[in-house]
Amino acid sequence: MTHVISDECIVCGACEPECPVEAISEGESKYEIDADKCTDCGACVEVCPTEAISPE
């Protein structure tokens, strides 16, 4: 299972540096998680201020 970022993302950038495998990058309107890289560690979930990240 991988994590996804919903439209609740406010593009704050808190999640990107927390990802140990660099699976998170800034998209056009929100951050995105590369499903092929995501290891389901949940580090990004812990730092998201809007709870926009959840398991797919």
C-alpha atoms as a PDB file:
ATOM      1  CA  MET A   1       0.000   0.000   0.000  1.00  0.00           C
ATOM      2  CA  THR A   2       1.148   3.519  -0.695  1.00  0.00           C
ATOM      3  CA  HIS A   3       0.066   6.905   0.592  1.00  0.00           C
ATOM      4  CA  VAL A   4      -1.726   9.617  -1.379  1.00  0.00           C
ATOM      5  CA  ILE A   5      -2.126  13.362  -0.919  1.00  0.00           C
ATOM      6  CA  SER A   6      -5.638  14.776  -1.173  1.00  0.00           C
ATOM      7  CA  ASP A   7      -6.843  18.158  -2.367  1.00  0.00           C
ATOM      8  CA  GLU A   8      -6.640  19.305   1.270  1.00  0.00           C
ATOM      9  CA  CYS A   9      -2.895  19.855   0.627  1.00  0.00           C
ATOM     10  CA  ILE A  10      -1.920  23.494   1.223  1.00  0.00           C
ATOM     11  CA  VAL A  11       1.493  23.087  -0.472  1.00  0.00           C
ATOM     12  CA  CYS A  12       3.346  23.905   2.756  1.00  0.00           C
ATOM     13  CA  GLY A  13       6.242  21.562   1.956  1.00  0.00           C
ATOM     14  CA  ALA A  14       6.417  19.932   5.391  1.00  0.00           C
ATOM     15  CA  CYS A  15       6.151  16.416   3.980  1.00  0.00           C
ATOM     16  CA  GLU A  16       8.824  16.499   1.283  1.00  0.00           C
ATOM     17  CA  PRO A  17      11.943  16.592   3.499  1.00  0.00           C
ATOM     18  CA  GLU A  18      10.507  13.908   5.801  1.00  0.00           C
ATOM     19  CA  CYS A  19      10.353  11.255   3.067  1.00  0.00           C
ATOM     20  CA  PRO A  20      13.386   8.958   3.425  1.00  0.00           C
ATOM     21  CA  VAL A  21      13.103   7.699  -0.181  1.00  0.00           C
ATOM     22  CA  GLU A  22      12.375  11.052  -1.866  1.00  0.00           C
ATOM     23  CA  ALA A  23       8.974   9.897  -3.128  1.00  0.00           C
ATOM     24  CA  ILE A  24       7.289  13.285  -2.563  1.00  0.00           C
ATOM     25  CA  SER A  25       7.544  16.160  -5.001  1.00  0.00           C
ATOM     26  CA  GLU A  26       5.681  19.388  -5.676  1.00  0.00           C
ATOM     27  CA  GLY A  27       3.013  19.074  -8.349  1.00  0.00           C
ATOM     28  CA  GLU A  28       0.984  21.747 -10.109  1.00  0.00           C
ATOM     29  CA  SER A  29      -1.612  22.296  -7.387  1.00  0.00           C
ATOM     30  CA  LYS A  30      -0.432  20.029  -4.535  1.00  0.00           C
ATOM     31  CA  TYR A  31       2.399  17.735  -3.509  1.00  0.00           C
ATOM     32  CA  GLU A  32       2.404  14.257  -5.035  1.00  0.00           C
ATOM     33  CA  ILE A  33       3.693  10.870  -3.896  1.00  0.00           C
ATOM     34  CA  ASP A  34       5.388   8.544  -6.395  1.00  0.00           C
ATOM     35  CA  ALA A  35       3.728   5.190  -5.715  1.00  0.00           C
ATOM     36  CA  ASP A  36       6.707   3.303  -7.133  1.00  0.00           C
ATOM     37  CA  LYS A  37       9.038   4.871  -4.555  1.00  0.00           C
ATOM     38  CA  CYS A  38       6.755   5.073  -1.498  1.00  0.00           C
ATOM     39  CA  THR A  39       7.660   2.524   1.189  1.00  0.00           C
ATOM     40  CA  ASP A  40       4.559   3.207   3.312  1.00  0.00           C
ATOM     41  CA  CYS A  41       6.629   4.416   6.284  1.00  0.00           C
ATOM     42  CA  GLY A  42       4.106   7.106   7.258  1.00  0.00           C
ATOM     43  CA  ALA A  43       6.680   9.799   8.092  1.00  0.00           C
ATOM     44  CA  CYS A  44       4.823  12.276   5.882  1.00  0.00           C
ATOM     45  CA  VAL A  45       1.506  11.616   7.613  1.00  0.00           C
ATOM     46  CA  GLU A  46       2.944  12.666  10.977  1.00  0.00           C
ATOM     47  CA  VAL A  47       4.013  16.137   9.778  1.00  0.00           C
ATOM     48  CA  CYS A  48       1.080  17.110   7.546  1.00  0.00           C
ATOM     49  CA  PRO A  49      -0.752  20.016   9.224  1.00  0.00           C
ATOM     50  CA  THR A  50      -3.975  19.475   7.268  1.00  0.00           C
ATOM     51  CA  GLU A  51      -4.102  15.658   7.461  1.00  0.00           C
ATOM     52  CA  ALA A  52      -4.084  15.568   3.655  1.00  0.00           C
ATOM     53  CA  ILE A  53      -1.986  12.392   3.468  1.00  0.00           C
ATOM     54  CA  SER A  54      -3.567   8.973   3.938  1.00  0.00           C
ATOM     55  CA  PRO A  55      -3.111   5.342   2.871  1.00  0.00           C
ATOM     56  CA  GLU A  56      -4.445   4.677  -0.598  1.00  0.00           C
END
